[in-house]
């Protein structure tokens, strides 16, 4: 089958067959209550990605293919508006380890307009404030990252450190003491511009992919809270 008719058929077939895996957490001794993800209707979760458990995903969030958002141990997760989570990113958390945001405690909290670049690992307990960029294959675990900070590719931020606002973590750096965190420079202009451009591009994807794939459905047939 060729030509436009064949292309249209394949497009419809792919749209109906390839869906994300969206599920409640399994019942365990440490998480005995099943909780479904709560995903805003304007967010887009790509095929071949997973969202499991007590996860709140706000408006215009883009989740690229092959992302794992797994709130089956550490919980809950929060993902703020206009955040993009790129291909191969993993979000997971440790049991009973959380940071407090407002009146509630979270295993992982991502603010608004956060960018998690390809292959990044964010492991709770973790608090990432608004407009933070986390680079390719970077690791953020047991840390608080202040608003507007830029974590470069292959960097590690861990060991309970708190990074102040608008700080720059160089490529490959290992920020595992507060002394190292306090010595970080401010984000240079070119990195700020790069982060802004990543945001601009990715904020267009949710609506565009909604049109491409049509109605959202779960690959396993389970319902989830879409509001």
N, C-alpha and C. Protein backbone atom coordinates (compact mmCIF):
# COMPACT_ATOMS: atom_id res chain seq x y z
N UNK A 1 0.85 -1.18 0.00
CA UNK A 1 0.00 0.00 0.00
C UNK A 1 0.89 1.24 0.00
N UNK A 2 0.70 2.13 -0.98
CA UNK A 2 1.59 3.28 -1.09
C UNK A 2 0.81 4.55 -1.24
N UNK A 3 1.56 5.64 -1.43
CA UNK A 3 0.94 6.93 -1.64
C UNK A 3 0.32 7.49 -0.39
N UNK A 4 -0.47 8.54 -0.58
CA UNK A 4 -1.07 9.25 0.55
C UNK A 4 -2.04 8.37 1.33
N UNK A 5 -2.78 7.50 0.61
CA UNK A 5 -3.72 6.63 1.29
C UNK A 5 -3.01 5.72 2.28
N UNK A 6 -1.90 5.13 1.85
CA UNK A 6 -1.13 4.26 2.73
C UNK A 6 -0.56 4.99 3.91
N UNK A 7 -0.04 6.22 3.68
CA UNK A 7 0.52 7.01 4.76
C UNK A 7 -0.55 7.36 5.79
N UNK A 8 -1.73 7.71 5.30
CA UNK A 8 -2.82 8.07 6.21
C UNK A 8 -3.23 6.87 7.05
N UNK A 9 -3.29 5.69 6.41
CA UNK A 9 -3.66 4.47 7.12
C UNK A 9 -2.64 4.16 8.21
N UNK A 10 -1.36 4.25 7.88
CA UNK A 10 -0.33 3.96 8.87
C UNK A 10 -0.36 4.95 10.02
N UNK A 11 -0.65 6.21 9.69
CA UNK A 11 -0.73 7.22 10.75
C UNK A 11 -1.84 6.89 11.72
N UNK A 12 -3.00 6.49 11.19
CA UNK A 12 -4.12 6.15 12.07
C UNK A 12 -3.81 4.90 12.87
N UNK A 13 -3.16 3.93 12.23
CA UNK A 13 -2.83 2.68 12.91
C UNK A 13 -1.86 2.92 14.05
N UNK A 14 -0.83 3.71 13.80
CA UNK A 14 0.15 4.01 14.84
C UNK A 14 -0.49 4.78 15.99
N UNK A 15 -1.36 5.72 15.65
CA UNK A 15 -2.01 6.53 16.68
C UNK A 15 -2.83 5.68 17.62
N UNK A 16 -3.48 4.63 17.07
CA UNK A 16 -4.36 3.82 17.90
C UNK A 16 -3.62 2.74 18.66
N UNK A 17 -2.42 2.34 18.18
CA UNK A 17 -1.72 1.19 18.77
C UNK A 17 -0.68 1.57 19.81
N UNK A 18 -0.02 2.68 19.65
CA UNK A 18 1.10 3.01 20.51
C UNK A 18 0.69 4.05 21.52
N UNK A 19 0.58 3.64 22.78
CA UNK A 19 0.11 4.53 23.84
C UNK A 19 1.05 4.45 25.04
N UNK A 20 1.06 5.47 25.88
CA UNK A 20 1.87 5.38 27.10
C UNK A 20 1.25 4.40 28.09
N UNK A 21 2.07 3.94 29.02
CA UNK A 21 1.59 3.08 30.12
C UNK A 21 1.31 3.97 31.32
N UNK A 22 0.04 4.12 31.65
CA UNK A 22 -0.38 4.99 32.75
C UNK A 22 -1.17 4.14 33.73
N UNK A 23 -0.68 4.08 34.97
CA UNK A 23 -1.18 3.06 35.89
C UNK A 23 -1.08 3.54 37.32
N UNK A 24 -1.93 3.00 38.22
CA UNK A 24 -1.70 3.24 39.65
C UNK A 24 -0.49 2.46 40.12
N UNK A 25 -0.01 2.80 41.30
CA UNK A 25 1.08 2.02 41.91
C UNK A 25 0.57 0.65 42.32
N UNK A 26 1.43 -0.35 42.34
CA UNK A 26 1.02 -1.65 42.87
C UNK A 26 0.86 -1.57 44.39
N UNK A 27 0.02 -2.42 44.94
CA UNK A 27 -0.16 -2.47 46.40
C UNK A 27 1.00 -3.24 47.02
N UNK A 28 1.66 -2.59 47.98
CA UNK A 28 2.78 -3.19 48.69
C UNK A 28 2.62 -2.92 50.18
N UNK A 29 3.50 -3.53 50.99
CA UNK A 29 3.44 -3.29 52.43
C UNK A 29 3.73 -1.83 52.77
N UNK A 30 4.56 -1.16 51.95
CA UNK A 30 4.93 0.22 52.24
C UNK A 30 4.06 1.24 51.52
N UNK A 31 3.34 0.82 50.47
CA UNK A 31 2.36 1.67 49.79
C UNK A 31 1.07 0.87 49.61
N UNK A 32 0.26 0.75 50.68
CA UNK A 32 -0.90 -0.15 50.63
C UNK A 32 -2.11 0.43 49.89
N UNK A 33 -2.07 1.69 49.49
CA UNK A 33 -3.20 2.31 48.80
C UNK A 33 -2.80 2.62 47.36
N UNK A 34 -3.62 2.18 46.42
CA UNK A 34 -3.36 2.49 45.02
C UNK A 34 -3.79 3.93 44.71
N UNK A 35 -2.90 4.67 44.07
CA UNK A 35 -3.21 6.03 43.65
C UNK A 35 -2.89 6.18 42.16
N UNK A 36 -3.83 6.79 41.46
CA UNK A 36 -3.67 7.00 40.02
C UNK A 36 -2.98 8.33 39.74
N UNK A 37 -2.25 8.41 38.64
CA UNK A 37 -1.72 9.72 38.21
C UNK A 37 -2.86 10.70 37.93
N UNK A 38 -2.59 11.98 38.16
CA UNK A 38 -3.52 13.06 37.82
C UNK A 38 -2.84 13.92 36.77
N UNK A 39 -3.33 13.82 35.54
CA UNK A 39 -2.65 14.42 34.39
C UNK A 39 -3.57 15.45 33.75
N UNK A 40 -3.10 16.68 33.67
CA UNK A 40 -3.89 17.72 33.04
C UNK A 40 -4.14 17.37 31.57
N UNK A 41 -5.32 17.71 31.08
CA UNK A 41 -5.70 17.33 29.71
C UNK A 41 -4.84 18.00 28.65
N UNK A 42 -4.14 19.08 29.00
CA UNK A 42 -3.28 19.75 28.02
C UNK A 42 -1.86 19.19 28.01
N UNK A 43 -1.53 18.31 28.95
CA UNK A 43 -0.22 17.66 28.95
C UNK A 43 -0.19 16.57 27.89
N UNK A 44 1.01 16.20 27.46
CA UNK A 44 1.15 15.10 26.51
C UNK A 44 2.17 14.10 27.02
N UNK A 45 1.74 12.85 27.12
CA UNK A 45 2.61 11.75 27.52
C UNK A 45 2.86 10.90 26.29
N UNK A 46 4.10 10.80 25.85
CA UNK A 46 4.42 10.12 24.59
C UNK A 46 4.27 8.61 24.69
N UNK A 47 4.07 7.97 23.54
CA UNK A 47 4.09 6.51 23.51
C UNK A 47 5.41 5.98 24.05
N UNK A 48 5.33 4.79 24.65
CA UNK A 48 6.48 4.07 25.20
C UNK A 48 7.01 4.70 26.49
N UNK A 49 6.27 5.65 27.06
CA UNK A 49 6.63 6.20 28.36
C UNK A 49 5.68 5.67 29.43
N UNK A 50 6.13 5.72 30.70
CA UNK A 50 5.34 5.21 31.81
C UNK A 50 5.14 6.29 32.86
N UNK A 51 3.91 6.36 33.37
CA UNK A 51 3.59 7.22 34.52
C UNK A 51 2.83 6.35 35.50
N UNK A 52 3.41 6.13 36.67
CA UNK A 52 2.87 5.17 37.62
C UNK A 52 2.73 5.80 39.00
N UNK A 53 1.55 5.67 39.59
CA UNK A 53 1.35 6.04 40.97
C UNK A 53 0.90 7.48 41.20
N UNK A 54 1.19 7.99 42.38
CA UNK A 54 0.71 9.30 42.83
C UNK A 54 1.57 10.40 42.21
N UNK A 55 1.24 10.74 40.97
CA UNK A 55 1.97 11.74 40.20
C UNK A 55 0.99 12.81 39.73
N UNK A 56 1.29 14.06 40.01
CA UNK A 56 0.50 15.18 39.49
C UNK A 56 1.27 15.82 38.35
N UNK A 57 0.65 15.90 37.19
CA UNK A 57 1.25 16.53 36.02
C UNK A 57 0.38 17.69 35.60
N UNK A 58 0.92 18.88 35.63
CA UNK A 58 0.16 20.11 35.36
C UNK A 58 0.09 20.43 33.86
N UNK A 59 -0.43 21.60 33.56
CA UNK A 59 -0.77 21.96 32.19
C UNK A 59 0.45 22.13 31.29
N UNK A 60 0.27 21.70 30.05
CA UNK A 60 1.25 21.87 28.97
C UNK A 60 2.60 21.23 29.28
N UNK A 61 2.59 20.17 30.04
CA UNK A 61 3.81 19.38 30.27
C UNK A 61 4.02 18.47 29.07
N UNK A 62 5.28 18.34 28.64
CA UNK A 62 5.64 17.43 27.56
C UNK A 62 6.53 16.32 28.11
N UNK A 63 6.07 15.08 27.93
CA UNK A 63 6.85 13.91 28.30
C UNK A 63 7.20 13.16 27.02
N UNK A 64 8.48 13.13 26.68
CA UNK A 64 8.95 12.53 25.44
C UNK A 64 8.94 10.99 25.53
N UNK A 65 9.23 10.30 24.42
CA UNK A 65 9.26 8.83 24.46
C UNK A 65 10.31 8.26 25.41
N UNK A 66 10.00 7.06 25.91
CA UNK A 66 10.93 6.27 26.74
C UNK A 66 11.31 6.96 28.04
N UNK A 67 10.35 7.65 28.63
CA UNK A 67 10.51 8.26 29.95
C UNK A 67 9.86 7.36 30.99
N UNK A 68 10.49 7.22 32.15
CA UNK A 68 9.93 6.46 33.26
C UNK A 68 9.68 7.38 34.44
N UNK A 69 8.41 7.58 34.78
CA UNK A 69 8.01 8.37 35.95
C UNK A 69 7.32 7.39 36.90
N UNK A 70 8.06 6.93 37.90
CA UNK A 70 7.63 5.74 38.65
C UNK A 70 7.53 6.04 40.15
N UNK A 71 6.33 6.42 40.58
CA UNK A 71 6.07 6.72 41.99
C UNK A 71 5.48 5.49 42.68
N UNK A 72 6.26 4.43 42.73
CA UNK A 72 5.80 3.20 43.38
C UNK A 72 6.53 2.92 44.69
N UNK A 73 7.57 3.70 44.96
CA UNK A 73 8.31 3.59 46.23
C UNK A 73 8.26 4.95 46.92
N UNK A 74 9.17 5.85 46.55
CA UNK A 74 9.03 7.23 47.01
C UNK A 74 7.84 7.88 46.34
N UNK A 75 7.09 8.69 47.09
CA UNK A 75 5.85 9.28 46.59
C UNK A 75 5.44 10.42 47.51
N UNK A 76 4.72 11.44 47.02
CA UNK A 76 4.23 11.66 45.66
C UNK A 76 5.24 12.45 44.81
N UNK A 77 4.92 12.54 43.50
CA UNK A 77 5.68 13.38 42.56
C UNK A 77 4.79 14.54 42.12
N UNK A 78 5.42 15.66 41.83
CA UNK A 78 4.70 16.82 41.28
C UNK A 78 5.52 17.37 40.11
N UNK A 79 4.85 17.60 38.98
CA UNK A 79 5.50 18.14 37.79
C UNK A 79 4.74 19.38 37.35
N UNK A 80 5.40 20.54 37.44
CA UNK A 80 4.75 21.82 37.22
C UNK A 80 4.51 22.17 35.77
N UNK A 81 3.77 23.24 35.56
CA UNK A 81 3.34 23.69 34.23
C UNK A 81 4.52 23.95 33.30
N UNK A 82 4.34 23.60 32.03
CA UNK A 82 5.30 23.90 30.96
C UNK A 82 6.65 23.22 31.15
N UNK A 83 6.70 22.22 31.97
CA UNK A 83 7.93 21.46 32.14
C UNK A 83 8.06 20.45 31.01
N UNK A 84 9.29 20.22 30.56
CA UNK A 84 9.53 19.18 29.54
C UNK A 84 10.49 18.14 30.08
N UNK A 85 10.12 16.88 29.83
CA UNK A 85 10.89 15.74 30.29
C UNK A 85 11.26 14.95 29.04
N UNK A 86 12.52 14.99 28.68
CA UNK A 86 12.94 14.52 27.38
C UNK A 86 13.29 13.02 27.37
N UNK A 87 13.59 12.51 26.18
CA UNK A 87 13.74 11.09 25.95
C UNK A 87 14.71 10.42 26.93
N UNK A 88 14.24 9.30 27.50
CA UNK A 88 15.11 8.49 28.34
C UNK A 88 15.29 8.97 29.76
N UNK A 89 14.57 10.00 30.17
CA UNK A 89 14.68 10.50 31.55
C UNK A 89 14.02 9.51 32.52
N UNK A 90 14.60 9.37 33.70
CA UNK A 90 14.05 8.52 34.75
C UNK A 90 13.77 9.35 35.99
N UNK A 91 12.54 9.20 36.53
CA UNK A 91 12.17 9.79 37.81
C UNK A 91 11.75 8.67 38.75
N UNK A 92 12.43 8.56 39.89
CA UNK A 92 12.10 7.56 40.90
C UNK A 92 12.50 8.13 42.26
N UNK A 93 11.95 7.58 43.34
CA UNK A 93 12.25 8.12 44.66
C UNK A 93 12.44 7.06 45.71
N UNK A 94 13.16 7.42 46.77
CA UNK A 94 13.37 6.52 47.90
C UNK A 94 12.18 6.57 48.86
N UNK A 95 11.89 5.46 49.47
CA UNK A 95 10.79 5.34 50.41
C UNK A 95 10.98 6.28 51.61
N UNK A 96 9.93 7.04 51.91
CA UNK A 96 9.87 7.91 53.10
C UNK A 96 10.97 8.97 53.15
N UNK A 97 11.46 9.39 52.00
CA UNK A 97 12.42 10.48 51.94
C UNK A 97 11.81 11.59 51.09
N UNK A 98 11.54 12.74 51.71
CA UNK A 98 10.82 13.80 51.01
C UNK A 98 11.36 15.17 51.40
N UNK A 99 11.04 16.15 50.55
CA UNK A 99 11.27 17.56 50.86
C UNK A 99 9.91 18.25 50.98
N UNK A 100 9.82 19.20 51.89
CA UNK A 100 8.57 19.92 52.09
C UNK A 100 8.48 21.12 51.15
N UNK A 101 7.35 21.23 50.47
CA UNK A 101 7.06 22.37 49.59
C UNK A 101 5.69 22.90 50.01
N UNK A 102 5.66 24.10 50.56
CA UNK A 102 4.41 24.60 51.12
C UNK A 102 4.01 23.76 52.31
N UNK A 103 2.80 23.23 52.27
CA UNK A 103 2.29 22.43 53.38
C UNK A 103 2.42 20.93 53.13
N UNK A 104 2.98 20.54 52.00
CA UNK A 104 3.02 19.13 51.64
C UNK A 104 4.46 18.68 51.39
N UNK A 105 4.69 17.40 51.59
CA UNK A 105 6.00 16.82 51.34
C UNK A 105 5.96 15.99 50.06
N UNK A 106 7.04 16.08 49.28
CA UNK A 106 7.13 15.39 48.00
C UNK A 106 8.43 14.59 47.91
N UNK A 107 8.33 13.44 47.27
CA UNK A 107 9.53 12.69 46.93
C UNK A 107 10.30 13.41 45.83
N UNK A 108 9.56 13.82 44.78
CA UNK A 108 10.12 14.64 43.71
C UNK A 108 9.18 15.79 43.43
N UNK A 109 9.73 16.98 43.40
CA UNK A 109 8.96 18.18 43.05
C UNK A 109 9.71 18.92 41.96
N UNK A 110 9.06 19.04 40.79
CA UNK A 110 9.61 19.83 39.69
C UNK A 110 8.73 21.07 39.52
N UNK A 111 9.35 22.24 39.54
CA UNK A 111 8.59 23.47 39.39
C UNK A 111 8.12 23.70 37.97
N UNK A 112 7.73 24.93 37.68
CA UNK A 112 7.27 25.31 36.35
C UNK A 112 8.47 25.57 35.42
N UNK A 113 8.29 25.23 34.15
CA UNK A 113 9.28 25.51 33.10
C UNK A 113 10.65 24.89 33.40
N UNK A 114 10.62 23.71 33.96
CA UNK A 114 11.84 22.92 34.15
C UNK A 114 12.11 22.13 32.87
N UNK A 115 13.38 22.00 32.52
CA UNK A 115 13.79 21.15 31.39
C UNK A 115 14.69 20.04 31.91
N UNK A 116 14.29 18.80 31.66
CA UNK A 116 15.13 17.65 31.96
C UNK A 116 15.57 17.07 30.63
N UNK A 117 16.83 17.25 30.28
CA UNK A 117 17.33 16.86 28.96
C UNK A 117 17.53 15.35 28.86
N UNK A 118 17.78 14.90 27.65
CA UNK A 118 17.84 13.48 27.32
C UNK A 118 18.75 12.70 28.28
N UNK A 119 18.18 11.63 28.82
CA UNK A 119 18.97 10.72 29.63
C UNK A 119 19.24 11.15 31.06
N UNK A 120 18.64 12.23 31.51
CA UNK A 120 18.87 12.68 32.89
C UNK A 120 18.20 11.73 33.89
N UNK A 121 18.77 11.65 35.08
CA UNK A 121 18.19 10.88 36.18
C UNK A 121 17.89 11.83 37.33
N UNK A 122 16.63 11.90 37.72
CA UNK A 122 16.21 12.69 38.88
C UNK A 122 15.65 11.71 39.89
N UNK A 123 16.33 11.58 41.03
CA UNK A 123 15.93 10.58 42.03
C UNK A 123 15.62 11.27 43.34
N UNK A 124 14.41 10.99 43.86
CA UNK A 124 14.01 11.59 45.11
C UNK A 124 14.73 10.97 46.31
N UNK A 125 14.87 11.80 47.35
CA UNK A 125 14.22 13.10 47.52
C UNK A 125 14.91 14.19 46.70
N UNK A 126 14.09 14.97 46.02
CA UNK A 126 14.64 15.98 45.13
C UNK A 126 13.64 17.12 44.94
N UNK A 127 14.11 18.35 45.05
CA UNK A 127 13.30 19.53 44.80
C UNK A 127 14.02 20.39 43.77
N UNK A 128 13.37 20.56 42.62
CA UNK A 128 13.93 21.37 41.54
C UNK A 128 12.97 22.52 41.29
N UNK A 129 13.43 23.74 41.51
CA UNK A 129 12.55 24.91 41.42
C UNK A 129 12.36 25.35 39.97
N UNK A 130 11.57 26.41 39.76
CA UNK A 130 11.19 26.88 38.43
C UNK A 130 12.40 27.19 37.55
N UNK A 131 12.24 26.92 36.25
CA UNK A 131 13.17 27.35 35.20
C UNK A 131 14.58 26.79 35.36
N UNK A 132 14.68 25.62 35.97
CA UNK A 132 15.97 24.93 36.07
C UNK A 132 16.17 24.09 34.81
N UNK A 133 17.39 24.05 34.33
CA UNK A 133 17.78 23.17 33.22
C UNK A 133 18.69 22.08 33.77
N UNK A 134 18.33 20.82 33.49
CA UNK A 134 19.15 19.67 33.88
C UNK A 134 19.63 19.02 32.60
N UNK A 135 20.95 18.96 32.39
CA UNK A 135 21.52 18.57 31.11
C UNK A 135 21.55 17.09 30.84
N UNK A 136 22.04 16.76 29.64
CA UNK A 136 22.11 15.39 29.17
C UNK A 136 22.89 14.50 30.16
N UNK A 137 22.27 13.38 30.54
CA UNK A 137 22.88 12.37 31.41
C UNK A 137 23.31 12.90 32.77
N UNK A 138 22.77 14.02 33.18
CA UNK A 138 23.07 14.53 34.53
C UNK A 138 22.28 13.74 35.56
N UNK A 139 22.76 13.76 36.80
CA UNK A 139 22.09 13.08 37.92
C UNK A 139 21.82 14.10 39.02
N UNK A 140 20.57 14.16 39.47
CA UNK A 140 20.20 14.97 40.63
C UNK A 140 19.52 14.04 41.62
N UNK A 141 20.12 13.90 42.81
CA UNK A 141 19.61 12.97 43.82
C UNK A 141 19.86 13.56 45.20
N UNK A 142 18.80 13.59 46.01
CA UNK A 142 18.90 14.10 47.37
C UNK A 142 19.49 15.51 47.36
N UNK A 143 18.76 16.41 46.69
CA UNK A 143 19.27 17.78 46.52
C UNK A 143 18.12 18.75 46.31
N UNK A 144 18.40 20.02 46.59
CA UNK A 144 17.49 21.12 46.27
C UNK A 144 18.22 22.02 45.29
N UNK A 145 17.57 22.30 44.16
CA UNK A 145 18.17 23.11 43.10
C UNK A 145 17.35 24.38 42.94
N UNK A 146 17.98 25.53 43.16
CA UNK A 146 17.28 26.81 43.16
C UNK A 146 16.85 27.27 41.78
N UNK A 147 15.89 28.16 41.76
CA UNK A 147 15.28 28.69 40.54
C UNK A 147 16.33 29.21 39.56
N UNK A 148 16.14 28.85 38.28
CA UNK A 148 16.97 29.38 37.21
C UNK A 148 18.37 28.79 37.11
N UNK A 149 18.66 27.77 37.89
CA UNK A 149 20.00 27.17 37.82
C UNK A 149 20.15 26.30 36.58
N UNK A 150 21.40 26.05 36.21
CA UNK A 150 21.73 25.29 35.00
C UNK A 150 22.71 24.19 35.38
N UNK A 151 22.27 22.93 35.22
CA UNK A 151 23.12 21.79 35.52
C UNK A 151 23.58 21.21 34.18
N UNK A 152 24.85 21.23 33.91
CA UNK A 152 25.39 20.82 32.62
C UNK A 152 25.40 19.31 32.45
N UNK A 153 25.72 18.88 31.25
CA UNK A 153 25.72 17.45 30.92
C UNK A 153 26.74 16.69 31.77
N UNK A 154 26.35 15.47 32.13
CA UNK A 154 27.18 14.53 32.89
C UNK A 154 27.53 15.01 34.29
N UNK A 155 26.88 16.04 34.79
CA UNK A 155 27.14 16.52 36.14
C UNK A 155 26.33 15.71 37.16
N UNK A 156 26.80 15.72 38.41
CA UNK A 156 26.10 15.04 39.51
C UNK A 156 25.90 16.04 40.64
N UNK A 157 24.66 16.11 41.12
CA UNK A 157 24.31 16.97 42.26
C UNK A 157 23.65 16.08 43.30
N UNK A 158 24.25 15.95 44.48
CA UNK A 158 23.77 14.95 45.43
C UNK A 158 24.21 15.27 46.86
N UNK A 159 23.92 14.33 47.75
CA UNK A 159 24.41 14.35 49.14
C UNK A 159 23.79 15.47 49.97
N UNK A 160 22.52 15.81 49.66
CA UNK A 160 21.80 16.79 50.47
C UNK A 160 22.16 18.24 50.22
N UNK A 161 22.85 18.53 49.12
CA UNK A 161 23.27 19.92 48.86
C UNK A 161 22.08 20.78 48.46
N UNK A 162 22.24 22.08 48.69
CA UNK A 162 21.26 23.09 48.28
C UNK A 162 21.97 24.07 47.35
N UNK A 163 21.55 24.09 46.12
CA UNK A 163 22.13 25.01 45.14
C UNK A 163 21.30 26.27 45.10
N UNK A 164 21.95 27.40 45.26
CA UNK A 164 21.25 28.69 45.26
C UNK A 164 20.68 29.00 43.88
N UNK A 165 19.88 30.03 43.79
CA UNK A 165 19.28 30.43 42.52
C UNK A 165 20.33 30.86 41.50
N UNK A 166 20.03 30.55 40.24
CA UNK A 166 20.82 31.05 39.10
C UNK A 166 22.29 30.64 39.17
N UNK A 167 22.54 29.41 39.62
CA UNK A 167 23.91 28.92 39.69
C UNK A 167 24.19 27.94 38.55
N UNK A 168 25.46 27.89 38.17
CA UNK A 168 25.89 27.08 37.03
C UNK A 168 26.74 25.92 37.50
N UNK A 169 26.30 24.70 37.17
CA UNK A 169 27.07 23.50 37.48
C UNK A 169 27.79 23.09 36.20
N UNK A 170 29.11 23.12 36.16
CA UNK A 170 29.87 22.84 34.92
C UNK A 170 29.71 21.40 34.46
N UNK A 171 30.02 21.14 33.19
CA UNK A 171 29.97 19.77 32.66
C UNK A 171 30.83 18.81 33.49
N UNK A 172 30.26 17.67 33.84
CA UNK A 172 31.00 16.63 34.54
C UNK A 172 31.30 16.91 36.00
N UNK A 173 30.82 18.03 36.54
CA UNK A 173 31.12 18.36 37.94
C UNK A 173 30.41 17.41 38.90
N UNK A 174 31.02 17.18 40.05
CA UNK A 174 30.42 16.37 41.11
C UNK A 174 30.18 17.27 42.32
N UNK A 175 28.96 17.73 42.46
CA UNK A 175 28.62 18.66 43.55
C UNK A 175 28.02 17.83 44.68
N UNK A 176 28.89 17.42 45.62
CA UNK A 176 28.46 16.53 46.69
C UNK A 176 28.75 17.08 48.08
N UNK A 177 29.13 18.34 48.16
CA UNK A 177 29.27 19.02 49.46
C UNK A 177 28.67 20.41 49.34
N UNK A 178 28.23 20.93 50.46
CA UNK A 178 27.66 22.28 50.44
C UNK A 178 28.72 23.32 50.10
N UNK A 179 29.96 23.06 50.48
CA UNK A 179 31.04 23.97 50.12
C UNK A 179 31.17 24.11 48.61
N UNK A 180 31.11 22.99 47.89
CA UNK A 180 31.16 23.03 46.42
C UNK A 180 29.94 23.78 45.87
N UNK A 181 28.78 23.51 46.43
CA UNK A 181 27.56 24.16 45.95
C UNK A 181 27.63 25.67 46.14
N UNK A 182 28.14 26.10 47.28
CA UNK A 182 28.22 27.54 47.57
C UNK A 182 29.24 28.26 46.68
N UNK A 183 30.18 27.52 46.11
CA UNK A 183 31.22 28.13 45.28
C UNK A 183 30.84 28.21 43.80
N UNK A 184 29.67 27.73 43.44
CA UNK A 184 29.27 27.72 42.03
C UNK A 184 29.06 29.13 41.50
N UNK A 185 29.48 29.39 40.25
CA UNK A 185 29.27 30.72 39.65
C UNK A 185 27.83 30.89 39.19
N UNK A 186 27.49 32.09 38.78
CA UNK A 186 26.18 32.36 38.22
C UNK A 186 26.10 31.82 36.79
N UNK A 187 24.89 31.57 36.34
CA UNK A 187 24.69 31.02 35.00
C UNK A 187 25.15 32.03 33.95
N UNK A 188 26.05 31.63 33.04
CA UNK A 188 26.49 32.55 31.99
C UNK A 188 25.37 32.83 30.99
N UNK A 189 25.53 33.92 30.25
CA UNK A 189 24.49 34.38 29.34
C UNK A 189 24.15 33.34 28.27
N UNK A 190 25.16 32.69 27.70
CA UNK A 190 24.87 31.74 26.63
C UNK A 190 24.09 30.54 27.13
N UNK A 191 24.33 30.10 28.36
CA UNK A 191 23.58 28.99 28.93
C UNK A 191 22.14 29.40 29.23
N UNK A 192 21.95 30.63 29.71
CA UNK A 192 20.59 31.14 29.92
C UNK A 192 19.80 31.15 28.62
N UNK A 193 20.43 31.62 27.57
CA UNK A 193 19.77 31.68 26.26
C UNK A 193 19.45 30.29 25.74
N UNK A 194 20.37 29.35 25.95
CA UNK A 194 20.13 27.97 25.52
C UNK A 194 18.93 27.39 26.26
N UNK A 195 18.87 27.58 27.58
CA UNK A 195 17.75 27.06 28.37
C UNK A 195 16.43 27.67 27.93
N UNK A 196 16.44 28.97 27.63
CA UNK A 196 15.21 29.63 27.17
C UNK A 196 14.75 29.06 25.83
N UNK A 197 15.69 28.79 24.94
CA UNK A 197 15.33 28.25 23.63
C UNK A 197 14.78 26.83 23.75
N UNK A 198 15.35 26.03 24.64
CA UNK A 198 14.83 24.68 24.89
C UNK A 198 13.39 24.76 25.38
N UNK A 199 13.13 25.71 26.28
CA UNK A 199 11.76 25.90 26.76
C UNK A 199 10.83 26.31 25.63
N UNK A 200 11.26 27.25 24.83
CA UNK A 200 10.40 27.75 23.74
C UNK A 200 9.99 26.63 22.80
N UNK A 201 10.95 25.81 22.42
CA UNK A 201 10.67 24.71 21.50
C UNK A 201 9.73 23.69 22.13
N UNK A 202 10.04 23.28 23.36
CA UNK A 202 9.29 22.20 23.98
C UNK A 202 7.88 22.59 24.40
N UNK A 203 7.63 23.87 24.62
CA UNK A 203 6.28 24.28 24.99
C UNK A 203 5.30 24.16 23.83
N UNK A 204 5.81 24.04 22.61
CA UNK A 204 4.92 23.84 21.47
C UNK A 204 4.54 22.37 21.27
N UNK A 205 5.30 21.46 21.85
CA UNK A 205 5.09 20.05 21.57
C UNK A 205 3.79 19.46 22.10
N UNK A 206 3.34 19.78 23.33
CA UNK A 206 2.12 19.11 23.81
C UNK A 206 0.92 19.27 22.88
N UNK A 207 0.61 20.49 22.48
CA UNK A 207 -0.54 20.71 21.60
C UNK A 207 -0.32 20.07 20.23
N UNK A 208 0.91 20.16 19.72
CA UNK A 208 1.19 19.61 18.40
C UNK A 208 1.07 18.09 18.39
N UNK A 209 1.58 17.44 19.44
CA UNK A 209 1.47 15.99 19.50
C UNK A 209 0.05 15.53 19.80
N UNK A 210 -0.71 16.34 20.54
CA UNK A 210 -2.12 16.00 20.75
C UNK A 210 -2.84 15.89 19.42
N UNK A 211 -2.57 16.81 18.52
CA UNK A 211 -3.18 16.77 17.19
C UNK A 211 -2.72 15.55 16.41
N UNK A 212 -1.45 15.21 16.56
CA UNK A 212 -0.89 14.08 15.81
C UNK A 212 -1.46 12.75 16.28
N UNK A 213 -1.59 12.56 17.59
CA UNK A 213 -2.00 11.28 18.14
C UNK A 213 -3.47 11.21 18.51
N UNK A 214 -4.14 12.35 18.62
CA UNK A 214 -5.55 12.33 18.95
C UNK A 214 -5.81 12.01 20.40
N UNK A 215 -6.93 11.37 20.65
CA UNK A 215 -7.39 11.10 22.02
C UNK A 215 -6.39 10.28 22.79
N UNK A 216 -6.14 10.66 24.06
CA UNK A 216 -5.23 9.90 24.90
C UNK A 216 -5.93 8.68 25.48
N UNK A 217 -5.26 7.55 25.42
CA UNK A 217 -5.76 6.34 26.06
C UNK A 217 -4.58 5.59 26.66
N UNK A 218 -4.90 4.78 27.63
CA UNK A 218 -3.85 4.00 28.30
C UNK A 218 -3.65 2.67 27.59
N UNK A 219 -2.40 2.26 27.39
CA UNK A 219 -2.12 1.02 26.66
C UNK A 219 -2.66 -0.20 27.39
N UNK A 220 -2.79 -0.11 28.72
CA UNK A 220 -3.24 -1.27 29.47
C UNK A 220 -4.73 -1.26 29.70
N UNK A 221 -5.41 -0.19 29.30
CA UNK A 221 -6.85 -0.12 29.45
C UNK A 221 -7.29 0.42 30.80
N UNK A 222 -6.34 0.77 31.66
CA UNK A 222 -6.71 1.29 32.98
C UNK A 222 -7.06 2.77 32.88
N UNK A 223 -8.01 3.17 33.68
CA UNK A 223 -8.38 4.58 33.69
C UNK A 223 -7.38 5.38 34.49
N UNK A 224 -7.30 6.66 34.19
CA UNK A 224 -6.49 7.57 35.01
C UNK A 224 -7.19 8.91 35.07
N UNK A 225 -6.81 9.71 36.04
CA UNK A 225 -7.49 10.98 36.28
C UNK A 225 -6.95 12.02 35.30
N UNK A 226 -7.75 12.37 34.31
CA UNK A 226 -7.38 13.34 33.28
C UNK A 226 -8.29 14.54 33.43
N UNK A 227 -7.75 15.67 33.91
CA UNK A 227 -8.64 16.80 34.22
C UNK A 227 -7.98 18.09 33.79
